Structure formats: structure tokens, C-alpha cells
Amino acid sequence: MAEKKADIMLHPIRMRIIQELVKSPNQTVQQLIDNLGDVPQATMYRHLKILSDAELIHVVETNKVRGTVEKVYAVLVENLAITDKELEETAPEEHLRYFMTYQANLAKEFERYVMSQQPASYKEDGLGYWQTTMHLSDEEFEEFAEKLGHLIKEAVEKKPNKDRRARRLATISIPEVE
């Protein structure tokens, strides 16, 4: 049986590769190794092949460098979403495993940040986490999610520059059990 897209994407190293390519598109293997800082070259090549075979990333250009071919990778953003069919065909236990993996990856990113920064900089840097309950009808929630999606899309489309800092925004929506 073919590996599910969620299994491919939620691997800790592959998730970091995808996030790095979303943050800074069009990177070579060496740039990815340098930017991630702790992924050995052989491991990087193995995970890039898996992501490429799953059509989650692709080669956007090749360059001849000292007699070898250097590949430049980018994310296929349109292929990152899990389809409704894939969602419906995923057992509850698998969803729980995916969620736990997602949380573990998020916790690792949080750890990398807080262990490398001084607490005095957290607020200025925009570090935050919170939870709230909203009372919305299905229609109101759909409208809210659509507006939030537009805001996120607008922010994601902003190109990096000297005044912009990359920030992760993770969202989770859990309906209350009735």
C-alpha cells in the first residue's frame, strides 16, 4: 500500500524541509543543509527524494557546478493540502497519530526558539500561544474560517525582505463534543 501524503509530510525532517522551502523558495541541497543546520547530507538527499516522488516538491532548475549537477528545489504548494477523500479514508487512530506528530513537531520548533532566545525578546518577537472558545453556528464558523484563510493567504504571499521576519502560525480547530 502506498504511503499516505500525511505520513510523508509529517515526518519531522520532511516537515522542516517543506517549511524551509515555503519560507525561502528555490534552495539547493547545500542551502537546505545550511539553513536547517542539523540534517546530514545523505539524510537530506533521502528525504528530498521522498518528497519529490510524492510530488510535494520539485526541481525548478539545475546548474552545472564543478562537473556535477546542482538541483534547486521548490515546494508544490498546491499539492500540500490533504484532500477530502484522503481525510475521510483516514481512520480515527491515524488522525490521532498525525495530530500527535504535528504537536511534537510544533513543540520541537518552540523548543528551538525558546532555547536560543532570551525571555525578554519573546514579546517583541511575537511569540505567543493561546486558546479560546468561540460560539459559532456552522455557517458563522465557515465564514470565520474563510476570512482567516484569506488573511493567512495574504500574509503567506508576502515576499521575504530585510524588514520581514519569518514566523510560524499553527492553527487547530477542535469542535466540542456534544
N, C-alpha and C. Protein backbone atom coordinates (compact mmCIF):
# COMPACT_ATOMS: atom_id res chain seq x y z
N MET A 1 0.84 -1.18 0.00
CA MET A 1 0.00 0.00 0.00
C MET A 1 0.89 1.24 0.00
N ALA A 2 0.54 2.22 -0.83
CA ALA A 2 1.31 3.46 -0.92
C ALA A 2 1.19 4.25 0.38
N GLU A 3 2.29 4.92 0.72
CA GLU A 3 2.30 5.73 1.93
C GLU A 3 1.39 6.94 1.72
N LYS A 4 0.62 7.27 2.74
CA LYS A 4 -0.30 8.40 2.66
C LYS A 4 0.47 9.71 2.69
N LYS A 5 -0.10 10.71 2.02
CA LYS A 5 0.53 12.03 1.96
C LYS A 5 0.81 12.58 3.36
N ALA A 6 -0.12 12.42 4.28
CA ALA A 6 0.08 12.92 5.64
C ALA A 6 1.28 12.25 6.30
N ASP A 7 1.46 10.94 6.08
CA ASP A 7 2.62 10.24 6.64
C ASP A 7 3.92 10.81 6.07
N ILE A 8 3.90 11.12 4.79
CA ILE A 8 5.09 11.67 4.14
C ILE A 8 5.40 13.06 4.68
N MET A 9 4.40 13.91 4.75
CA MET A 9 4.62 15.30 5.16
C MET A 9 4.92 15.45 6.64
N LEU A 10 4.37 14.61 7.49
CA LEU A 10 4.50 14.80 8.93
C LEU A 10 5.78 14.21 9.53
N HIS A 11 6.63 13.64 8.72
CA HIS A 11 7.93 13.22 9.23
C HIS A 11 8.68 14.47 9.67
N PRO A 12 9.31 14.46 10.85
CA PRO A 12 9.93 15.69 11.38
C PRO A 12 10.90 16.39 10.43
N ILE A 13 11.77 15.65 9.77
CA ILE A 13 12.74 16.28 8.86
C ILE A 13 12.03 16.78 7.61
N ARG A 14 11.12 15.97 7.06
CA ARG A 14 10.43 16.40 5.84
C ARG A 14 9.54 17.62 6.10
N MET A 15 8.94 17.67 7.29
CA MET A 15 8.12 18.83 7.64
C MET A 15 8.99 20.08 7.70
N ARG A 16 10.19 19.96 8.24
CA ARG A 16 11.10 21.10 8.31
C ARG A 16 11.57 21.51 6.92
N ILE A 17 11.83 20.54 6.04
CA ILE A 17 12.24 20.85 4.67
C ILE A 17 11.13 21.62 3.96
N ILE A 18 9.90 21.13 4.08
CA ILE A 18 8.77 21.80 3.44
C ILE A 18 8.64 23.23 3.97
N GLN A 19 8.69 23.40 5.30
CA GLN A 19 8.58 24.73 5.89
C GLN A 19 9.71 25.65 5.43
N GLU A 20 10.91 25.12 5.33
CA GLU A 20 12.06 25.92 4.88
C GLU A 20 11.86 26.36 3.43
N LEU A 21 11.34 25.46 2.59
CA LEU A 21 11.12 25.81 1.18
C LEU A 21 9.93 26.75 1.00
N VAL A 22 8.97 26.70 1.92
CA VAL A 22 7.87 27.67 1.89
C VAL A 22 8.41 29.04 2.29
N LYS A 23 9.23 29.05 3.34
CA LYS A 23 9.80 30.30 3.85
C LYS A 23 10.73 30.94 2.82
N SER A 24 11.62 30.13 2.24
CA SER A 24 12.62 30.62 1.28
C SER A 24 12.63 29.69 0.08
N PRO A 25 11.81 29.98 -0.90
CA PRO A 25 11.72 29.09 -2.07
C PRO A 25 13.04 28.99 -2.84
N ASN A 26 13.13 27.96 -3.64
CA ASN A 26 14.24 27.77 -4.56
C ASN A 26 15.58 27.66 -3.85
N GLN A 27 15.79 26.52 -3.19
CA GLN A 27 17.04 26.29 -2.48
C GLN A 27 17.73 25.02 -2.99
N THR A 28 19.04 25.07 -2.97
CA THR A 28 19.84 23.90 -3.31
C THR A 28 19.92 22.99 -2.08
N VAL A 29 20.44 21.81 -2.29
CA VAL A 29 20.63 20.87 -1.18
C VAL A 29 21.53 21.50 -0.12
N GLN A 30 22.63 22.12 -0.57
CA GLN A 30 23.56 22.72 0.39
C GLN A 30 22.91 23.86 1.17
N GLN A 31 22.09 24.66 0.51
CA GLN A 31 21.39 25.74 1.22
C GLN A 31 20.44 25.16 2.28
N LEU A 32 19.72 24.10 1.91
CA LEU A 32 18.82 23.46 2.88
C LEU A 32 19.60 22.90 4.06
N ILE A 33 20.73 22.26 3.79
CA ILE A 33 21.56 21.71 4.87
C ILE A 33 22.03 22.84 5.78
N ASP A 34 22.50 23.93 5.18
CA ASP A 34 22.98 25.08 5.96
C ASP A 34 21.86 25.70 6.77
N ASN A 35 20.69 25.86 6.17
CA ASN A 35 19.57 26.54 6.84
C ASN A 35 18.93 25.68 7.93
N LEU A 36 18.89 24.37 7.74
CA LEU A 36 18.32 23.51 8.78
C LEU A 36 19.34 23.20 9.86
N GLY A 37 20.60 23.18 9.50
CA GLY A 37 21.67 23.12 10.48
C GLY A 37 22.01 21.79 11.10
N ASP A 38 21.10 20.83 11.09
CA ASP A 38 21.39 19.57 11.79
C ASP A 38 20.98 18.33 10.99
N VAL A 39 20.84 18.49 9.67
CA VAL A 39 20.44 17.36 8.83
C VAL A 39 21.63 16.95 7.96
N PRO A 40 22.16 15.74 8.16
CA PRO A 40 23.30 15.28 7.35
C PRO A 40 22.93 15.22 5.86
N GLN A 41 23.94 15.36 5.02
CA GLN A 41 23.73 15.40 3.57
C GLN A 41 23.00 14.16 3.05
N ALA A 42 23.43 12.97 3.45
CA ALA A 42 22.78 11.74 2.95
C ALA A 42 21.31 11.70 3.36
N THR A 43 21.02 12.13 4.59
CA THR A 43 19.65 12.17 5.08
C THR A 43 18.83 13.17 4.27
N MET A 44 19.42 14.33 3.99
CA MET A 44 18.73 15.36 3.19
C MET A 44 18.36 14.81 1.82
N TYR A 45 19.31 14.17 1.14
CA TYR A 45 19.04 13.61 -0.19
C TYR A 45 17.91 12.58 -0.13
N ARG A 46 17.94 11.73 0.89
CA ARG A 46 16.90 10.69 1.03
C ARG A 46 15.52 11.32 1.18
N HIS A 47 15.40 12.34 2.03
CA HIS A 47 14.10 12.97 2.26
C HIS A 47 13.65 13.82 1.08
N LEU A 48 14.59 14.45 0.38
CA LEU A 48 14.22 15.20 -0.82
C LEU A 48 13.66 14.26 -1.89
N LYS A 49 14.24 13.07 -2.01
CA LYS A 49 13.73 12.09 -2.98
C LYS A 49 12.31 11.67 -2.62
N ILE A 50 12.07 11.40 -1.35
CA ILE A 50 10.72 11.00 -0.91
C ILE A 50 9.72 12.12 -1.22
N LEU A 51 10.08 13.35 -0.88
CA LEU A 51 9.17 14.49 -1.13
C LEU A 51 8.96 14.71 -2.63
N SER A 52 10.02 14.52 -3.40
CA SER A 52 9.92 14.69 -4.86
C SER A 52 9.05 13.58 -5.48
N ASP A 53 9.28 12.34 -5.06
CA ASP A 53 8.48 11.21 -5.57
C ASP A 53 7.00 11.39 -5.24
N ALA A 54 6.71 12.03 -4.10
CA ALA A 54 5.32 12.26 -3.68
C ALA A 54 4.75 13.53 -4.32
N GLU A 55 5.56 14.18 -5.15
CA GLU A 55 5.16 15.41 -5.85
C GLU A 55 4.77 16.53 -4.89
N LEU A 56 5.51 16.61 -3.77
CA LEU A 56 5.31 17.69 -2.81
C LEU A 56 6.35 18.79 -3.02
N ILE A 57 7.47 18.43 -3.63
CA ILE A 57 8.48 19.39 -4.05
C ILE A 57 8.90 19.01 -5.47
N HIS A 58 9.59 19.92 -6.14
CA HIS A 58 10.10 19.61 -7.47
C HIS A 58 11.37 20.41 -7.74
N VAL A 59 12.10 19.98 -8.75
CA VAL A 59 13.31 20.67 -9.17
C VAL A 59 12.88 21.80 -10.10
N VAL A 60 13.28 23.04 -9.75
CA VAL A 60 12.90 24.19 -10.57
C VAL A 60 14.02 24.63 -11.51
N GLU A 61 15.25 24.20 -11.20
CA GLU A 61 16.37 24.46 -12.11
C GLU A 61 17.53 23.56 -11.75
N THR A 62 18.41 23.39 -12.71
CA THR A 62 19.64 22.64 -12.47
C THR A 62 20.80 23.51 -12.93
N ASN A 63 21.91 23.42 -12.21
CA ASN A 63 23.11 24.19 -12.54
C ASN A 63 24.31 23.26 -12.57
N LYS A 64 25.19 23.47 -13.53
CA LYS A 64 26.45 22.72 -13.58
C LYS A 64 27.42 23.40 -12.63
N VAL A 65 27.90 22.64 -11.65
CA VAL A 65 28.86 23.16 -10.69
C VAL A 65 30.01 22.15 -10.58
N ARG A 66 31.19 22.57 -11.01
CA ARG A 66 32.39 21.73 -10.94
C ARG A 66 32.14 20.30 -11.43
N GLY A 67 31.53 20.17 -12.59
CA GLY A 67 31.34 18.86 -13.19
C GLY A 67 30.17 18.05 -12.65
N THR A 68 29.40 18.61 -11.75
CA THR A 68 28.24 17.90 -11.22
C THR A 68 27.00 18.77 -11.42
N VAL A 69 25.84 18.17 -11.28
CA VAL A 69 24.58 18.90 -11.45
C VAL A 69 24.03 19.26 -10.08
N GLU A 70 23.80 20.54 -9.87
CA GLU A 70 23.21 21.04 -8.63
C GLU A 70 21.73 21.32 -8.89
N LYS A 71 20.87 20.72 -8.07
CA LYS A 71 19.43 20.90 -8.24
C LYS A 71 18.93 21.98 -7.29
N VAL A 72 17.96 22.75 -7.76
CA VAL A 72 17.31 23.77 -6.96
C VAL A 72 15.86 23.32 -6.77
N TYR A 73 15.43 23.25 -5.50
CA TYR A 73 14.11 22.72 -5.16
C TYR A 73 13.13 23.80 -4.74
N ALA A 74 11.85 23.54 -5.00
CA ALA A 74 10.76 24.39 -4.54
C ALA A 74 9.58 23.49 -4.16
N VAL A 75 8.70 24.03 -3.34
CA VAL A 75 7.51 23.30 -2.90
C VAL A 75 6.42 23.41 -3.97
N LEU A 76 5.67 22.35 -4.14
CA LEU A 76 4.46 22.38 -4.96
C LEU A 76 3.30 22.64 -4.00
N VAL A 77 3.09 23.91 -3.69
CA VAL A 77 2.13 24.32 -2.65
C VAL A 77 0.75 23.71 -2.90
N GLU A 78 0.35 23.67 -4.15
CA GLU A 78 -0.98 23.15 -4.47
C GLU A 78 -1.14 21.68 -4.12
N ASN A 79 -0.04 20.96 -3.92
CA ASN A 79 -0.11 19.53 -3.59
C ASN A 79 -0.02 19.25 -2.10
N LEU A 80 0.17 20.28 -1.29
CA LEU A 80 0.35 20.06 0.15
C LEU A 80 -0.95 19.76 0.89
N ALA A 81 -2.06 20.24 0.38
CA ALA A 81 -3.34 20.04 1.08
C ALA A 81 -3.76 18.57 1.04
N ILE A 82 -4.33 18.13 2.15
CA ILE A 82 -4.90 16.79 2.22
C ILE A 82 -6.31 16.88 1.63
N THR A 83 -6.63 16.01 0.69
CA THR A 83 -7.93 16.06 0.03
C THR A 83 -9.03 15.56 0.97
N ASP A 84 -10.26 15.94 0.66
CA ASP A 84 -11.41 15.45 1.44
C ASP A 84 -11.46 13.92 1.43
N LYS A 85 -11.16 13.33 0.28
CA LYS A 85 -11.19 11.87 0.16
C LYS A 85 -10.14 11.24 1.09
N GLU A 86 -8.92 11.79 1.08
CA GLU A 86 -7.87 11.27 1.96
C GLU A 86 -8.27 11.42 3.43
N LEU A 87 -8.88 12.54 3.75
CA LEU A 87 -9.33 12.81 5.11
C LEU A 87 -10.37 11.78 5.56
N GLU A 88 -11.34 11.52 4.69
CA GLU A 88 -12.42 10.58 5.01
C GLU A 88 -11.93 9.14 5.10
N GLU A 89 -10.86 8.81 4.36
CA GLU A 89 -10.34 7.44 4.35
C GLU A 89 -9.31 7.18 5.45
N THR A 90 -9.11 8.17 6.31
CA THR A 90 -8.14 8.03 7.39
C THR A 90 -8.85 7.63 8.67
N ALA A 91 -8.41 6.55 9.26
CA ALA A 91 -9.02 6.03 10.49
C ALA A 91 -8.78 7.00 11.65
N PRO A 92 -9.69 7.01 12.63
CA PRO A 92 -9.51 7.90 13.79
C PRO A 92 -8.15 7.73 14.48
N GLU A 93 -7.66 6.50 14.58
CA GLU A 93 -6.36 6.26 15.21
C GLU A 93 -5.23 6.92 14.42
N GLU A 94 -5.36 6.91 13.09
CA GLU A 94 -4.35 7.57 12.25
C GLU A 94 -4.41 9.09 12.45
N HIS A 95 -5.63 9.65 12.51
CA HIS A 95 -5.76 11.09 12.76
C HIS A 95 -5.10 11.47 14.08
N LEU A 96 -5.30 10.64 15.09
CA LEU A 96 -4.69 10.90 16.40
C LEU A 96 -3.17 10.86 16.29
N ARG A 97 -2.64 9.88 15.57
CA ARG A 97 -1.19 9.78 15.38
C ARG A 97 -0.67 10.99 14.61
N TYR A 98 -1.39 11.41 13.57
CA TYR A 98 -0.98 12.59 12.80
C TYR A 98 -0.96 13.84 13.69
N PHE A 99 -2.00 13.98 14.50
CA PHE A 99 -2.09 15.15 15.37
C PHE A 99 -0.95 15.14 16.38
N MET A 100 -0.65 14.00 16.96
CA MET A 100 0.43 13.90 17.93
C MET A 100 1.78 14.22 17.27
N THR A 101 1.97 13.76 16.05
CA THR A 101 3.19 14.06 15.30
C THR A 101 3.28 15.55 15.02
N TYR A 102 2.17 16.14 14.61
CA TYR A 102 2.09 17.57 14.35
C TYR A 102 2.46 18.35 15.61
N GLN A 103 1.88 17.97 16.74
CA GLN A 103 2.18 18.64 18.01
C GLN A 103 3.65 18.47 18.39
N ALA A 104 4.20 17.29 18.19
CA ALA A 104 5.60 17.05 18.53
C ALA A 104 6.52 17.93 17.68
N ASN A 105 6.20 18.05 16.39
CA ASN A 105 6.99 18.91 15.50
C ASN A 105 6.90 20.37 15.94
N LEU A 106 5.70 20.79 16.31
CA LEU A 106 5.49 22.16 16.78
C LEU A 106 6.25 22.40 18.08
N ALA A 107 6.21 21.43 18.98
CA ALA A 107 6.92 21.55 20.25
C ALA A 107 8.43 21.66 20.01
N LYS A 108 8.95 20.93 19.04
CA LYS A 108 10.38 20.99 18.73
C LYS A 108 10.75 22.38 18.19
N GLU A 109 9.91 22.94 17.32
CA GLU A 109 10.17 24.29 16.82
C GLU A 109 10.14 25.30 17.96
N PHE A 110 9.17 25.15 18.85
CA PHE A 110 9.05 26.04 20.01
C PHE A 110 10.32 25.91 20.87
N GLU A 111 10.76 24.69 21.10
CA GLU A 111 11.97 24.46 21.89
C GLU A 111 13.18 25.12 21.25
N ARG A 112 13.34 24.96 19.92
CA ARG A 112 14.47 25.58 19.22
C ARG A 112 14.48 27.08 19.43
N TYR A 113 13.29 27.69 19.38
CA TYR A 113 13.20 29.14 19.56
C TYR A 113 13.53 29.53 21.00
N VAL A 114 12.79 28.99 21.99
CA VAL A 114 12.96 29.46 23.36
C VAL A 114 14.35 29.13 23.93
N MET A 115 14.98 28.09 23.43
CA MET A 115 16.31 27.75 23.93
C MET A 115 17.39 28.61 23.29
N SER A 116 17.05 29.34 22.23
CA SER A 116 18.05 30.17 21.55
C SER A 116 17.84 31.66 21.78
N GLN A 117 16.75 32.04 22.46
CA GLN A 117 16.42 33.46 22.66
C GLN A 117 16.28 33.75 24.15
N GLN A 118 16.41 35.01 24.48
CA GLN A 118 16.21 35.46 25.85
C GLN A 118 14.73 35.73 26.07
N PRO A 119 14.18 35.40 27.24
CA PRO A 119 12.76 35.65 27.52
C PRO A 119 12.34 37.10 27.29
N ALA A 120 13.23 38.04 27.49
CA ALA A 120 12.90 39.45 27.29
C ALA A 120 12.53 39.75 25.84
N SER A 121 12.98 38.90 24.90
CA SER A 121 12.69 39.15 23.47
C SER A 121 11.42 38.46 22.98
N TYR A 122 10.81 37.59 23.80
CA TYR A 122 9.65 36.82 23.35
C TYR A 122 8.52 37.72 22.86
N LYS A 123 8.15 38.72 23.68
CA LYS A 123 7.02 39.58 23.31
C LYS A 123 7.34 40.36 22.04
N GLU A 124 8.53 40.97 22.01
CA GLU A 124 8.93 41.76 20.84
C GLU A 124 8.95 40.91 19.58
N ASP A 125 9.39 39.65 19.71
CA ASP A 125 9.46 38.74 18.57
C ASP A 125 8.09 38.24 18.13
N GLY A 126 7.08 38.41 19.00
CA GLY A 126 5.74 37.97 18.65
C GLY A 126 5.45 36.54 19.05
N LEU A 127 6.23 35.98 19.96
CA LEU A 127 5.96 34.62 20.42
C LEU A 127 4.66 34.63 21.22
N GLY A 128 3.82 33.67 20.97
CA GLY A 128 2.58 33.58 21.73
C GLY A 128 1.90 32.26 21.51
N TYR A 129 1.09 31.90 22.44
CA TYR A 129 0.22 30.73 22.29
C TYR A 129 -0.99 30.97 23.17
N TRP A 130 -2.12 30.58 22.70
CA TRP A 130 -3.36 30.82 23.41
C TRP A 130 -4.43 29.87 22.91
N GLN A 131 -5.50 29.84 23.65
CA GLN A 131 -6.65 29.01 23.30
C GLN A 131 -7.89 29.77 23.70
N THR A 132 -8.90 29.70 22.89
CA THR A 132 -10.16 30.35 23.21
C THR A 132 -11.30 29.49 22.69
N THR A 133 -12.47 29.71 23.21
CA THR A 133 -13.66 29.02 22.72
C THR A 133 -14.54 30.04 22.02
N MET A 134 -15.03 29.67 20.85
CA MET A 134 -15.94 30.53 20.08
C MET A 134 -17.28 29.82 19.99
N HIS A 135 -18.35 30.57 20.09
CA HIS A 135 -19.69 30.01 19.92
C HIS A 135 -20.21 30.50 18.58
N LEU A 136 -20.12 29.62 17.57
CA LEU A 136 -20.50 29.98 16.21
C LEU A 136 -21.38 28.90 15.60
N SER A 137 -22.33 29.32 14.81
CA SER A 137 -23.11 28.34 14.03
C SER A 137 -22.17 27.77 12.96
N ASP A 138 -22.59 26.71 12.31
CA ASP A 138 -21.77 26.13 11.25
C ASP A 138 -21.50 27.17 10.16
N GLU A 139 -22.51 27.96 9.83
CA GLU A 139 -22.36 28.99 8.80
C GLU A 139 -21.39 30.08 9.27
N GLU A 140 -21.51 30.50 10.53
CA GLU A 140 -20.62 31.52 11.07
C GLU A 140 -19.18 31.01 11.12
N PHE A 141 -19.01 29.74 11.50
CA PHE A 141 -17.66 29.18 11.55
C PHE A 141 -17.07 29.12 10.15
N GLU A 142 -17.86 28.71 9.17
CA GLU A 142 -17.40 28.64 7.78
C GLU A 142 -16.96 30.03 7.30
N GLU A 143 -17.75 31.06 7.64
CA GLU A 143 -17.40 32.43 7.27
C GLU A 143 -16.10 32.87 7.97
N PHE A 144 -15.99 32.55 9.27
CA PHE A 144 -14.78 32.87 10.03
C PHE A 144 -13.57 32.19 9.40
N ALA A 145 -13.67 30.90 9.11
CA ALA A 145 -12.55 30.14 8.54
C ALA A 145 -12.16 30.70 7.18
N GLU A 146 -13.13 31.10 6.38
CA GLU A 146 -12.85 31.68 5.07
C GLU A 146 -12.10 33.01 5.22
N LYS A 147 -12.55 33.87 6.14
CA LYS A 147 -11.87 35.15 6.37
C LYS A 147 -10.45 34.92 6.89
N LEU A 148 -10.31 34.00 7.83
CA LEU A 148 -8.99 33.70 8.37
C LEU A 148 -8.09 33.15 7.26
N GLY A 149 -8.64 32.29 6.44
CA GLY A 149 -7.88 31.74 5.31
C GLY A 149 -7.38 32.83 4.37
N HIS A 150 -8.23 33.82 4.10
CA HIS A 150 -7.82 34.93 3.23
C HIS A 150 -6.70 35.74 3.89
N LEU A 151 -6.82 36.01 5.19
CA LEU A 151 -5.77 36.75 5.90
C LEU A 151 -4.44 35.99 5.89
N ILE A 152 -4.53 34.68 6.12
CA ILE A 152 -3.31 33.87 6.12
C ILE A 152 -2.70 33.85 4.72
N LYS A 153 -3.52 33.65 3.70
CA LYS A 153 -3.03 33.62 2.32
C LYS A 153 -2.34 34.93 1.97
N GLU A 154 -2.94 36.04 2.35
CA GLU A 154 -2.36 37.36 2.09
C GLU A 154 -1.00 37.49 2.77
N ALA A 155 -0.89 37.04 4.01
CA ALA A 155 0.37 37.12 4.74
C ALA A 155 1.42 36.18 4.15
N VAL A 156 1.02 34.98 3.77
CA VAL A 156 1.95 34.00 3.22
C VAL A 156 2.52 34.46 1.88
N GLU A 157 1.75 35.20 1.11
CA GLU A 157 2.19 35.65 -0.20
C GLU A 157 3.20 36.80 -0.15
N LYS A 158 3.40 37.39 1.01
CA LYS A 158 4.39 38.45 1.15
C LYS A 158 5.78 37.86 0.98
N LYS A 159 6.58 38.51 0.16
CA LYS A 159 7.92 38.03 -0.13
C LYS A 159 8.89 38.46 0.98
N PRO A 160 9.88 37.62 1.27
CA PRO A 160 10.85 37.99 2.30
C PRO A 160 11.61 39.26 1.91
N ASN A 161 11.92 40.09 2.89
CA ASN A 161 12.81 41.23 2.69
C ASN A 161 13.44 41.56 4.04
N LYS A 162 14.27 42.60 4.06
CA LYS A 162 15.03 42.92 5.28
C LYS A 162 14.14 43.34 6.45
N ASP A 163 12.92 43.81 6.16
CA ASP A 163 12.01 44.25 7.22
C ASP A 163 11.08 43.15 7.72
N ARG A 164 11.05 42.02 7.02
CA ARG A 164 10.13 40.94 7.37
C ARG A 164 10.87 39.79 8.02
N ARG A 165 10.27 39.23 9.02
CA ARG A 165 10.83 38.09 9.73
C ARG A 165 9.89 36.89 9.54
N ALA A 166 10.43 35.73 9.26
CA ALA A 166 9.61 34.53 9.11
C ALA A 166 9.02 34.17 10.47
N ARG A 167 7.74 33.86 10.48
CA ARG A 167 7.04 33.44 11.71
C ARG A 167 6.13 32.26 11.36
N ARG A 168 6.01 31.34 12.27
CA ARG A 168 5.12 30.19 12.07
C ARG A 168 3.79 30.49 12.76
N LEU A 169 2.73 30.19 12.08
CA LEU A 169 1.39 30.26 12.66
C LEU A 169 0.78 28.87 12.50
N ALA A 170 0.44 28.26 13.61
CA ALA A 170 -0.17 26.94 13.58
C ALA A 170 -1.60 27.08 14.06
N THR A 171 -2.52 26.46 13.36
CA THR A 171 -3.93 26.54 13.77
C THR A 171 -4.48 25.14 14.00
N ILE A 172 -5.36 25.07 14.97
CA ILE A 172 -6.05 23.83 15.28
C ILE A 172 -7.48 24.21 15.61
N SER A 173 -8.44 23.56 15.01
CA SER A 173 -9.83 23.80 15.34
C SER A 173 -10.42 22.48 15.80
N ILE A 174 -10.93 22.46 17.01
CA ILE A 174 -11.50 21.21 17.56
C ILE A 174 -12.94 21.50 17.99
N PRO A 175 -13.91 20.95 17.27
CA PRO A 175 -15.29 21.13 17.68
C PRO A 175 -15.55 20.44 19.03
N GLU A 176 -16.34 21.07 19.87
CA GLU A 176 -16.68 20.46 21.14
C GLU A 176 -17.61 19.27 20.89
N VAL A 177 -17.41 18.21 21.63
CA VAL A 177 -18.25 17.03 21.51
C VAL A 177 -19.57 17.32 22.19
N GLU A 178 -20.64 17.06 21.49
CA GLU A 178 -21.98 17.35 22.05
C GLU A 178 -22.54 16.18 22.81
